[in-house]
Amino acid sequence: MSAGLLRRWLLRRFAVPREAHTATPADHGLVAVEVGLPARDGRRLHGWFVPAAGNAPAPAVLVMHGWGANASLMLPLARPLHDANHAVLLIDARGHGASDDIDFMSLPRFADDVAAGLDWLRGRQDVDPARLSLIGHSVGAAAVLLEASRRDHLNAVIALSAFAHPRDMMRRHLSAMGLPWHPLGALVTLYVQRLIDARFDDIAPVNTLPRVRCPVLLAHGRHDDTVPFAEARRLAARRPGTQLIEVDAGHDLSDALPQAHKAFESFLNAPGRNRGSQSHEPFAQQRIC
């Protein structure tokens, strides 16, 4: 297969299934401002900004969805975060929700959209730039870890249903398609890295997580058949002090978020947090039923 044919096959096979929003902040009792912010390539990112209920400038959380999802599917997080006096920015990645189209998306491009959202929050007078946190799901979780590994001054990161390494995800996906790993799967994986202009080893959460300089919490469904729970344990073990919450859910944690939101709030609001420091204790796992 020529490089051109392989590119077209990959873009068709991994095209983002754009889904319309299924809810709005108002459906969750929230007053939000619909915003359009610039992505780093000039495209427009759609978002909802929910101002904090408390005094400004307030801490803020940027929330990023996963592959093929959109900001509306992350809205169950917005209400408890708002009630905990955080401002919340939920954005649609390029090619998702109501954001502009793009030829293809990738983990690095998700991270670029996270960066654009952080830059937008830092420019607001009602947001405290010293108290910015990130939450992401699946590819969005990998993206917030990647972007956090590049920054010195974040408050905290919460990664939901994060995979350990994109090569493993590709191998599972290609296996499900009936494509043998040797030689075809391995060659496709090499070409994907060329296409996205990034080495999987450089962007893999198992490698970016240890470089994150703020506290990190992982939450993962024990019934996840997209990213096995064992990957969450593998990630947590890579960085001393990382917290891991096991929830009674699959890959989509939407229905389980009410079980975990108190733990999330406590984590984000931990008193006396020394940003940039890491505990040397092994990761702590908590089970929420």
C-alpha atoms as a PDB file:
ATOM      1  CA  MET A   1       0.000   0.000   0.000  1.00  0.00           C
ATOM      2  CA  SER A   2       1.392   3.428  -0.939  1.00  0.00           C
ATOM      3  CA  ALA A   3       1.871   6.142   1.675  1.00  0.00           C
ATOM      4  CA  GLY A   4      -0.981   8.131   0.126  1.00  0.00           C
ATOM      5  CA  LEU A   5      -3.401   5.227   0.267  1.00  0.00           C
ATOM      6  CA  LEU A   6      -2.354   4.413   3.827  1.00  0.00           C
ATOM      7  CA  ARG A   7      -2.929   8.020   4.893  1.00  0.00           C
ATOM      8  CA  ARG A   8      -6.417   8.046   3.354  1.00  0.00           C
ATOM      9  CA  TRP A   9      -7.242   4.699   4.969  1.00  0.00           C
ATOM     10  CA  LEU A  10      -6.076   5.920   8.371  1.00  0.00           C
ATOM     11  CA  LEU A  11      -7.947   9.215   8.147  1.00  0.00           C
ATOM     12  CA  ARG A  12     -11.105   7.366   7.177  1.00  0.00           C
ATOM     13  CA  ARG A  13     -10.676   4.648   9.795  1.00  0.00           C
ATOM     14  CA  PHE A  14      -9.876   7.061  12.635  1.00  0.00           C
ATOM     15  CA  ALA A  15     -12.207   9.870  11.614  1.00  0.00           C
ATOM     16  CA  VAL A  16     -13.791  11.557  14.616  1.00  0.00           C
ATOM     17  CA  PRO A  17     -17.485  10.606  14.945  1.00  0.00           C
ATOM     18  CA  ARG A  18     -18.806  14.098  15.671  1.00  0.00           C
ATOM     19  CA  GLU A  19     -21.658  13.972  18.175  1.00  0.00           C
ATOM     20  CA  ALA A  20     -24.094  16.800  18.855  1.00  0.00           C
ATOM     21  CA  HIS A  21     -24.413  18.158  22.379  1.00  0.00           C
ATOM     22  CA  THR A  22     -26.946  16.197  24.381  1.00  0.00           C
ATOM     23  CA  ALA A  23     -27.353  18.764  27.172  1.00  0.00           C
ATOM     24  CA  THR A  24     -26.439  22.307  28.154  1.00  0.00           C
ATOM     25  CA  PRO A  25     -25.246  23.805  31.449  1.00  0.00           C
ATOM     26  CA  ALA A  26     -28.797  25.084  32.029  1.00  0.00           C
ATOM     27  CA  ASP A  27     -30.000  21.459  32.145  1.00  0.00           C
ATOM     28  CA  HIS A  28     -27.729  21.075  35.176  1.00  0.00           C
ATOM     29  CA  GLY A  29     -28.953  24.263  36.848  1.00  0.00           C
ATOM     30  CA  LEU A  30     -25.896  26.281  35.828  1.00  0.00           C
ATOM     31  CA  VAL A  31     -25.606  29.758  34.377  1.00  0.00           C
ATOM     32  CA  ALA A  32     -22.865  29.616  31.744  1.00  0.00           C
ATOM     33  CA  VAL A  33     -21.427  31.823  29.051  1.00  0.00           C
ATOM     34  CA  GLU A  34     -20.983  30.247  25.625  1.00  0.00           C
ATOM     35  CA  VAL A  35     -17.514  31.153  24.393  1.00  0.00           C
ATOM     36  CA  GLY A  36     -15.385  30.821  21.301  1.00  0.00           C
ATOM     37  CA  LEU A  37     -11.666  30.739  21.912  1.00  0.00           C
ATOM     38  CA  PRO A  38      -8.794  30.454  19.436  1.00  0.00           C
ATOM     39  CA  ALA A  39      -7.005  27.169  18.958  1.00  0.00           C
ATOM     40  CA  ARG A  40      -3.306  27.403  18.262  1.00  0.00           C
ATOM     41  CA  ASP A  41      -3.877  26.930  14.522  1.00  0.00           C
ATOM     42  CA  GLY A  42      -6.454  29.729  14.382  1.00  0.00           C
ATOM     43  CA  ARG A  43      -9.515  27.496  14.388  1.00  0.00           C
ATOM     44  CA  ARG A  44     -12.354  28.214  16.810  1.00  0.00           C
ATOM     45  CA  LEU A  45     -12.929  26.113  19.909  1.00  0.00           C
ATOM     46  CA  HIS A  46     -16.415  26.095  21.364  1.00  0.00           C
ATOM     47  CA  GLY A  47     -16.752  26.158  25.121  1.00  0.00           C
ATOM     48  CA  TRP A  48     -18.966  26.847  28.084  1.00  0.00           C
ATOM     49  CA  PHE A  49     -17.610  28.954  30.918  1.00  0.00           C
ATOM     50  CA  VAL A  50     -19.333  28.691  34.295  1.00  0.00           C
ATOM     51  CA  PRO A  51     -18.170  31.526  36.580  1.00  0.00           C
ATOM     52  CA  ALA A  52     -17.475  30.687  40.192  1.00  0.00           C
ATOM     53  CA  ALA A  53     -20.167  31.408  42.733  1.00  0.00           C
ATOM     54  CA  GLY A  54     -17.679  32.789  45.270  1.00  0.00           C
ATOM     55  CA  ASN A  55     -15.422  35.799  45.316  1.00  0.00           C
ATOM     56  CA  ALA A  56     -13.154  36.566  42.363  1.00  0.00           C
ATOM     57  CA  PRO A  57     -10.510  35.805  41.423  1.00  0.00           C
ATOM     58  CA  ALA A  58     -11.501  32.173  41.896  1.00  0.00           C
ATOM     59  CA  PRO A  59      -9.820  28.825  41.245  1.00  0.00           C
ATOM     60  CA  ALA A  60     -10.778  27.315  37.894  1.00  0.00           C
ATOM     61  CA  VAL A  61     -10.913  23.850  36.339  1.00  0.00           C
ATOM     62  CA  LEU A  62     -10.606  23.113  32.630  1.00  0.00           C
ATOM     63  CA  VAL A  63     -12.479  19.952  31.606  1.00  0.00           C
ATOM     64  CA  MET A  64     -11.601  18.017  28.420  1.00  0.00           C
ATOM     65  CA  HIS A  65     -13.702  15.181  26.988  1.00  0.00           C
ATOM     66  CA  GLY A  66     -12.482  12.070  25.198  1.00  0.00           C
ATOM     67  CA  TRP A  67     -12.365  10.871  21.580  1.00  0.00           C
ATOM     68  CA  GLY A  68     -15.665  11.288  19.737  1.00  0.00           C
ATOM     69  CA  ALA A  69     -17.327  12.895  22.760  1.00  0.00           C
ATOM     70  CA  ASN A  70     -17.933  16.567  23.564  1.00  0.00           C
ATOM     71  CA  ALA A  71     -18.266  19.037  26.415  1.00  0.00           C
ATOM     72  CA  SER A  72     -21.909  18.162  27.130  1.00  0.00           C
ATOM     73  CA  LEU A  73     -20.907  14.656  28.248  1.00  0.00           C
ATOM     74  CA  MET A  74     -18.643  16.175  30.915  1.00  0.00           C
ATOM     75  CA  LEU A  75     -21.350  18.407  32.379  1.00  0.00           C
ATOM     76  CA  PRO A  76     -22.031  16.078  35.358  1.00  0.00           C
ATOM     77  CA  LEU A  77     -18.686  17.326  36.698  1.00  0.00           C
ATOM     78  CA  ALA A  78     -19.575  21.001  36.391  1.00  0.00           C
ATOM     79  CA  ARG A  79     -22.268  21.201  39.069  1.00  0.00           C
ATOM     80  CA  PRO A  80     -20.187  19.829  41.982  1.00  0.00           C
ATOM     81  CA  LEU A  81     -17.152  21.865  40.878  1.00  0.00           C
ATOM     82  CA  HIS A  82     -19.269  25.014  40.785  1.00  0.00           C
ATOM     83  CA  ASP A  83     -20.766  24.191  44.180  1.00  0.00           C
ATOM     84  CA  ALA A  84     -17.182  23.921  45.472  1.00  0.00           C
ATOM     85  CA  ASN A  85     -16.582  27.533  44.352  1.00  0.00           C
ATOM     86  CA  HIS A  86     -14.587  26.735  41.223  1.00  0.00           C
ATOM     87  CA  ALA A  87     -15.021  28.371  37.854  1.00  0.00           C
ATOM     88  CA  VAL A  88     -15.353  25.719  35.149  1.00  0.00           C
ATOM     89  CA  LEU A  89     -14.393  25.801  31.467  1.00  0.00           C
ATOM     90  CA  LEU A  90     -15.661  22.900  29.360  1.00  0.00           C
ATOM     91  CA  ILE A  91     -14.385  22.893  25.792  1.00  0.00           C
ATOM     92  CA  ASP A  92     -14.975  20.894  22.628  1.00  0.00           C
ATOM     93  CA  ALA A  93     -11.717  19.765  21.039  1.00  0.00           C
ATOM     94  CA  ARG A  94     -11.298  20.551  17.360  1.00  0.00           C
ATOM     95  CA  GLY A  95     -13.419  18.267  15.218  1.00  0.00           C
ATOM     96  CA  HIS A  96     -15.755  17.606  18.166  1.00  0.00           C
ATOM     97  CA  GLY A  97     -19.018  19.076  19.388  1.00  0.00           C
ATOM     98  CA  ALA A  98     -19.467  22.634  18.096  1.00  0.00           C
ATOM     99  CA  SER A  99     -15.772  23.390  17.471  1.00  0.00           C
ATOM    100  CA  ASP A 100     -14.305  23.886  14.010  1.00  0.00           C
ATOM    101  CA  ASP A 101     -13.469  20.960  11.755  1.00  0.00           C
ATOM    102  CA  ILE A 102      -9.917  19.691  11.296  1.00  0.00           C
ATOM    103  CA  ASP A 103      -8.378  17.120   8.958  1.00  0.00           C
ATOM    104  CA  PHE A 104      -7.559  14.724  11.785  1.00  0.00           C
ATOM    105  CA  MET A 105      -7.222  14.760  15.548  1.00  0.00           C
ATOM    106  CA  SER A 106      -4.535  13.247  17.736  1.00  0.00           C
ATOM    107  CA  LEU A 107      -3.393  13.177  21.340  1.00  0.00           C
ATOM    108  CA  PRO A 108      -0.933  16.070  20.748  1.00  0.00           C
ATOM    109  CA  ARG A 109      -3.708  18.136  19.168  1.00  0.00           C
ATOM    110  CA  PHE A 110      -6.004  17.439  22.131  1.00  0.00           C
ATOM    111  CA  ALA A 111      -3.165  18.700  24.359  1.00  0.00           C
ATOM    112  CA  ASP A 112      -2.843  21.827  22.211  1.00  0.00           C
ATOM    113  CA  ASP A 113      -6.548  22.518  22.763  1.00  0.00           C
ATOM    114  CA  VAL A 114      -6.061  22.072  26.510  1.00  0.00           C
ATOM    115  CA  ALA A 115      -3.225  24.607  26.296  1.00  0.00           C
ATOM    116  CA  ALA A 116      -5.480  27.056  24.439  1.00  0.00           C
ATOM    117  CA  GLY A 117      -8.088  26.732  27.174  1.00  0.00           C
ATOM    118  CA  LEU A 118      -5.509  27.339  29.901  1.00  0.00           C
ATOM    119  CA  ASP A 119      -4.244  30.429  28.091  1.00  0.00           C
ATOM    120  CA  TRP A 120      -7.821  31.709  27.855  1.00  0.00           C
ATOM    121  CA  LEU A 121      -8.432  31.160  31.563  1.00  0.00           C
ATOM    122  CA  ARG A 122      -5.185  32.917  32.489  1.00  0.00           C
ATOM    123  CA  GLY A 123      -6.428  36.013  30.677  1.00  0.00           C
ATOM    124  CA  ARG A 124      -9.596  36.359  32.777  1.00  0.00           C
ATOM    125  CA  GLN A 125      -9.726  38.760  35.712  1.00  0.00           C
ATOM    126  CA  ASP A 126     -12.243  36.578  37.575  1.00  0.00           C
ATOM    127  CA  VAL A 127      -9.880  33.570  37.547  1.00  0.00           C
ATOM    128  CA  ASP A 128      -6.861  33.077  39.788  1.00  0.00           C
ATOM    129  CA  PRO A 129      -4.048  32.010  37.426  1.00  0.00           C
ATOM    130  CA  ALA A 130      -2.186  30.409  40.344  1.00  0.00           C
ATOM    131  CA  ARG A 131      -5.057  27.983  41.010  1.00  0.00           C
ATOM    132  CA  LEU A 132      -5.783  26.278  37.689  1.00  0.00           C
ATOM    133  CA  SER A 133      -6.558  22.557  37.533  1.00  0.00           C
ATOM    134  CA  LEU A 134      -7.218  20.091  34.714  1.00  0.00           C
ATOM    135  CA  ILE A 135      -9.658  17.199  34.321  1.00  0.00           C
ATOM    136  CA  GLY A 136      -9.727  14.947  31.269  1.00  0.00           C
ATOM    137  CA  HIS A 137     -11.327  11.695  30.181  1.00  0.00           C
ATOM    138  CA  SER A 138      -9.635   8.935  28.121  1.00  0.00           C
ATOM    139  CA  VAL A 139      -7.702  10.675  25.307  1.00  0.00           C
ATOM    140  CA  GLY A 140      -8.566  13.891  27.147  1.00  0.00           C
ATOM    141  CA  ALA A 141      -6.937  12.413  30.253  1.00  0.00           C
ATOM    142  CA  ALA A 142      -3.790  11.639  28.284  1.00  0.00           C
ATOM    143  CA  ALA A 143      -3.915  15.184  26.900  1.00  0.00           C
ATOM    144  CA  VAL A 144      -4.147  16.899  30.299  1.00  0.00           C
ATOM    145  CA  LEU A 145      -1.240  14.796  31.549  1.00  0.00           C
ATOM    146  CA  LEU A 146       0.803  15.709  28.480  1.00  0.00           C
ATOM    147  CA  GLU A 147       0.088  19.426  28.837  1.00  0.00           C
ATOM    148  CA  ALA A 148       0.642  19.332  32.610  1.00  0.00           C
ATOM    149  CA  SER A 149       4.054  17.751  32.038  1.00  0.00           C
ATOM    150  CA  ARG A 150       5.024  20.927  30.160  1.00  0.00           C
ATOM    151  CA  ARG A 151       3.877  23.408  32.829  1.00  0.00           C
ATOM    152  CA  ASP A 152       5.237  24.449  36.205  1.00  0.00           C
ATOM    153  CA  HIS A 153       2.286  26.198  37.826  1.00  0.00           C
ATOM    154  CA  LEU A 154      -0.823  24.023  37.879  1.00  0.00           C
ATOM    155  CA  ASN A 155      -2.808  23.268  41.005  1.00  0.00           C
ATOM    156  CA  ALA A 156      -3.829  19.666  40.256  1.00  0.00           C
ATOM    157  CA  VAL A 157      -4.728  17.150  37.544  1.00  0.00           C
ATOM    158  CA  ILE A 158      -7.510  14.549  37.561  1.00  0.00           C
ATOM    159  CA  ALA A 159      -7.238  11.890  34.821  1.00  0.00           C
ATOM    160  CA  LEU A 160     -10.334   9.760  34.196  1.00  0.00           C
ATOM    161  CA  SER A 161     -10.040   6.393  32.399  1.00  0.00           C
ATOM    162  CA  ALA A 162      -6.503   7.149  31.216  1.00  0.00           C
ATOM    163  CA  PHE A 163      -4.624   4.623  29.097  1.00  0.00           C
ATOM    164  CA  ALA A 164      -0.966   3.933  29.809  1.00  0.00           C
ATOM    165  CA  HIS A 165       0.503   3.941  26.301  1.00  0.00           C
ATOM    166  CA  PRO A 166      -1.011   4.750  22.876  1.00  0.00           C
ATOM    167  CA  ARG A 167       0.855   1.810  21.326  1.00  0.00           C
ATOM    168  CA  ASP A 168      -1.158  -0.560  23.514  1.00  0.00           C
ATOM    169  CA  MET A 169      -4.379   1.188  22.506  1.00  0.00           C
ATOM    170  CA  MET A 170      -3.441   0.892  18.836  1.00  0.00           C
ATOM    171  CA  ARG A 171      -2.599  -2.781  19.258  1.00  0.00           C
ATOM    172  CA  ARG A 172      -5.974  -3.514  20.865  1.00  0.00           C
ATOM    173  CA  HIS A 173      -7.807  -1.520  18.203  1.00  0.00           C
ATOM    174  CA  LEU A 174      -6.007  -3.108  15.272  1.00  0.00           C
ATOM    175  CA  SER A 175      -6.432  -6.567  16.796  1.00  0.00           C
ATOM    176  CA  ALA A 176     -10.182  -5.965  17.032  1.00  0.00           C
ATOM    177  CA  MET A 177     -10.101  -5.129  13.304  1.00  0.00           C
ATOM    178  CA  GLY A 178      -8.404  -8.457  12.596  1.00  0.00           C
ATOM    179  CA  LEU A 179      -5.166  -6.798  11.524  1.00  0.00           C
ATOM    180  CA  PRO A 180      -2.116  -8.869  12.575  1.00  0.00           C
ATOM    181  CA  TRP A 181       0.459  -6.940  14.603  1.00  0.00           C
ATOM    182  CA  HIS A 182       3.412  -8.368  12.688  1.00  0.00           C
ATOM    183  CA  PRO A 183       4.088  -6.936  10.268  1.00  0.00           C
ATOM    184  CA  LEU A 184       1.031  -4.805   9.401  1.00  0.00           C
ATOM    185  CA  GLY A 185       0.006  -3.472  12.821  1.00  0.00           C
ATOM    186  CA  ALA A 186       3.516  -2.437  13.751  1.00  0.00           C
ATOM    187  CA  LEU A 187       3.976  -0.698  10.389  1.00  0.00           C
ATOM    188  CA  VAL A 188       0.658   1.160  10.740  1.00  0.00           C
ATOM    189  CA  THR A 189       1.702   2.295  14.213  1.00  0.00           C
ATOM    190  CA  LEU A 190       4.995   3.618  12.888  1.00  0.00           C
ATOM    191  CA  TYR A 191       3.163   5.527  10.164  1.00  0.00           C
ATOM    192  CA  VAL A 192       0.661   7.010  12.640  1.00  0.00           C
ATOM    193  CA  GLN A 193       3.552   8.438  14.656  1.00  0.00           C
ATOM    194  CA  ARG A 194       4.894  10.030  11.484  1.00  0.00           C
ATOM    195  CA  LEU A 195       1.435  11.381  10.625  1.00  0.00           C
ATOM    196  CA  ILE A 196       0.917  13.046  14.018  1.00  0.00           C
ATOM    197  CA  ASP A 197       4.578  14.149  14.183  1.00  0.00           C
ATOM    198  CA  ALA A 198       5.111  12.630  17.625  1.00  0.00           C
ATOM    199  CA  ARG A 199       6.694   9.501  19.057  1.00  0.00           C
ATOM    200  CA  PHE A 200       4.272   7.456  21.129  1.00  0.00           C
ATOM    201  CA  ASP A 201       6.938   7.064  23.824  1.00  0.00           C
ATOM    202  CA  ASP A 202       7.137  10.862  24.183  1.00  0.00           C
ATOM    203  CA  ILE A 203       3.385  11.403  24.632  1.00  0.00           C
ATOM    204  CA  ALA A 204       2.438   8.215  26.511  1.00  0.00           C
ATOM    205  CA  PRO A 205       0.837   8.900  29.922  1.00  0.00           C
ATOM    206  CA  VAL A 206       3.112   6.269  31.475  1.00  0.00           C
ATOM    207  CA  ASN A 207       5.996   8.608  30.565  1.00  0.00           C
ATOM    208  CA  THR A 208       4.387  12.052  30.923  1.00  0.00           C
ATOM    209  CA  LEU A 209       2.845  11.377  34.358  1.00  0.00           C
ATOM    210  CA  PRO A 210       6.219  11.179  36.138  1.00  0.00           C
ATOM    211  CA  ARG A 211       7.089  14.603  34.705  1.00  0.00           C
ATOM    212  CA  VAL A 212       3.972  16.312  36.083  1.00  0.00           C
ATOM    213  CA  ARG A 213       4.924  18.657  38.922  1.00  0.00           C
ATOM    214  CA  CYS A 214       1.528  19.035  40.611  1.00  0.00           C
ATOM    215  CA  PRO A 215      -0.599  16.470  42.467  1.00  0.00           C
ATOM    216  CA  VAL A 216      -2.350  13.908  40.248  1.00  0.00           C
ATOM    217  CA  LEU A 217      -5.439  11.789  40.903  1.00  0.00           C
ATOM    218  CA  LEU A 218      -6.472   8.901  38.650  1.00  0.00           C
ATOM    219  CA  ALA A 219     -10.039   7.600  38.563  1.00  0.00           C
ATOM    220  CA  HIS A 220     -10.804   4.401  36.665  1.00  0.00           C
ATOM    221  CA  GLY A 221     -13.733   2.018  36.273  1.00  0.00           C
ATOM    222  CA  ARG A 222     -13.102  -1.505  37.493  1.00  0.00           C
ATOM    223  CA  HIS A 223     -15.256  -2.807  34.592  1.00  0.00           C
ATOM    224  CA  ASP A 224     -13.496  -0.807  31.874  1.00  0.00           C
ATOM    225  CA  ASP A 225     -13.183  -3.018  28.770  1.00  0.00           C
ATOM    226  CA  THR A 226     -11.638  -0.247  26.647  1.00  0.00           C
ATOM    227  CA  VAL A 227      -8.728   0.498  28.952  1.00  0.00           C
ATOM    228  CA  PRO A 228      -8.262  -2.314  31.503  1.00  0.00           C
ATOM    229  CA  PHE A 229      -8.070  -1.277  35.144  1.00  0.00           C
ATOM    230  CA  ALA A 230      -4.589  -2.784  35.282  1.00  0.00           C
ATOM    231  CA  GLU A 231      -3.396   0.194  33.212  1.00  0.00           C
ATOM    232  CA  ALA A 232      -4.523   2.568  35.961  1.00  0.00           C
ATOM    233  CA  ARG A 233      -2.433   0.627  38.473  1.00  0.00           C
ATOM    234  CA  ARG A 234       0.505   0.716  36.068  1.00  0.00           C
ATOM    235  CA  LEU A 235       0.172   4.491  35.730  1.00  0.00           C
ATOM    236  CA  ALA A 236      -0.207   5.142  39.449  1.00  0.00           C
ATOM    237  CA  ALA A 237       2.870   3.063  40.232  1.00  0.00           C
ATOM    238  CA  ARG A 238       4.967   5.207  37.899  1.00  0.00           C
ATOM    239  CA  ARG A 239       4.798   8.257  40.159  1.00  0.00           C
ATOM    240  CA  PRO A 240       5.028   8.207  43.960  1.00  0.00           C
ATOM    241  CA  GLY A 241       2.149   9.963  45.667  1.00  0.00           C
ATOM    242  CA  THR A 242      -0.317   9.515  42.805  1.00  0.00           C
ATOM    243  CA  GLN A 243      -3.817   8.790  44.073  1.00  0.00           C
ATOM    244  CA  LEU A 244      -6.025   6.171  42.406  1.00  0.00           C
ATOM    245  CA  ILE A 245      -9.788   5.882  42.796  1.00  0.00           C
ATOM    246  CA  GLU A 246     -11.473   2.667  41.670  1.00  0.00           C
ATOM    247  CA  VAL A 247     -15.129   3.222  40.762  1.00  0.00           C
ATOM    248  CA  ASP A 248     -17.959   0.842  39.917  1.00  0.00           C
ATOM    249  CA  ALA A 249     -18.140   1.704  36.211  1.00  0.00           C
ATOM    250  CA  GLY A 250     -16.830   0.961  32.746  1.00  0.00           C
ATOM    251  CA  HIS A 251     -14.880   3.323  30.478  1.00  0.00           C
ATOM    252  CA  ASP A 252     -17.626   5.953  30.569  1.00  0.00           C
ATOM    253  CA  LEU A 253     -17.643   7.246  34.122  1.00  0.00           C
ATOM    254  CA  SER A 254     -20.661   9.569  33.722  1.00  0.00           C
ATOM    255  CA  ASP A 255     -23.002   7.549  35.917  1.00  0.00           C
ATOM    256  CA  ALA A 256     -20.272   6.997  38.519  1.00  0.00           C
ATOM    257  CA  LEU A 257     -19.248  10.640  38.887  1.00  0.00           C
ATOM    258  CA  PRO A 258     -21.768  11.302  41.697  1.00  0.00           C
ATOM    259  CA  GLN A 259     -19.967   8.570  43.676  1.00  0.00           C
ATOM    260  CA  ALA A 260     -16.591  10.223  43.250  1.00  0.00           C
ATOM    261  CA  HIS A 261     -17.220  13.963  43.210  1.00  0.00           C
ATOM    262  CA  LYS A 262     -16.589  14.397  46.948  1.00  0.00           C
ATOM    263  CA  ALA A 263     -13.183  12.791  46.547  1.00  0.00           C
ATOM    264  CA  PHE A 264     -12.486  15.064  43.584  1.00  0.00           C
ATOM    265  CA  GLU A 265     -13.461  18.172  45.562  1.00  0.00           C
ATOM    266  CA  SER A 266     -11.295  17.159  48.522  1.00  0.00           C
ATOM    267  CA  PHE A 267      -8.382  16.537  46.191  1.00  0.00           C
ATOM    268  CA  LEU A 268      -8.695  19.897  44.409  1.00  0.00           C
ATOM    269  CA  ASN A 269      -9.182  21.818  47.648  1.00  0.00           C
ATOM    270  CA  ALA A 270      -6.544  20.059  49.744  1.00  0.00           C
ATOM    271  CA  PRO A 271      -5.208  22.610  52.260  1.00  0.00           C
ATOM    272  CA  GLY A 272      -1.545  23.480  52.417  1.00  0.00           C
ATOM    273  CA  ARG A 273      -0.791  21.948  49.044  1.00  0.00           C
ATOM    274  CA  ASN A 274       2.828  22.507  48.064  1.00  0.00           C
ATOM    275  CA  ARG A 275       2.721  22.857  44.293  1.00  0.00           C
ATOM    276  CA  GLY A 276       5.587  21.273  42.491  1.00  0.00           C
ATOM    277  CA  SER A 277       6.259  18.730  45.217  1.00  0.00           C
ATOM    278  CA  GLN A 278       5.666  15.015  45.143  1.00  0.00           C
ATOM    279  CA  SER A 279       5.180  12.559  47.945  1.00  0.00           C
ATOM    280  CA  HIS A 280       7.625   9.693  48.100  1.00  0.00           C
ATOM    281  CA  GLU A 281       4.944   7.321  49.354  1.00  0.00           C
ATOM    282  CA  PRO A 282       3.634   4.614  46.996  1.00  0.00           C
ATOM    283  CA  PHE A 283       0.363   5.428  45.223  1.00  0.00           C
ATOM    284  CA  ALA A 284      -2.760   5.277  47.372  1.00  0.00           C
ATOM    285  CA  GLN A 285      -5.798   3.411  46.013  1.00  0.00           C
ATOM    286  CA  GLN A 286      -9.321   4.141  47.169  1.00  0.00           C
ATOM    287  CA  ARG A 287     -12.347   2.093  46.175  1.00  0.00           C
ATOM    288  CA  ILE A 288     -15.718   3.802  45.761  1.00  0.00           C
ATOM    289  CA  CYS A 289     -18.771   1.587  45.341  1.00  0.00           C
END
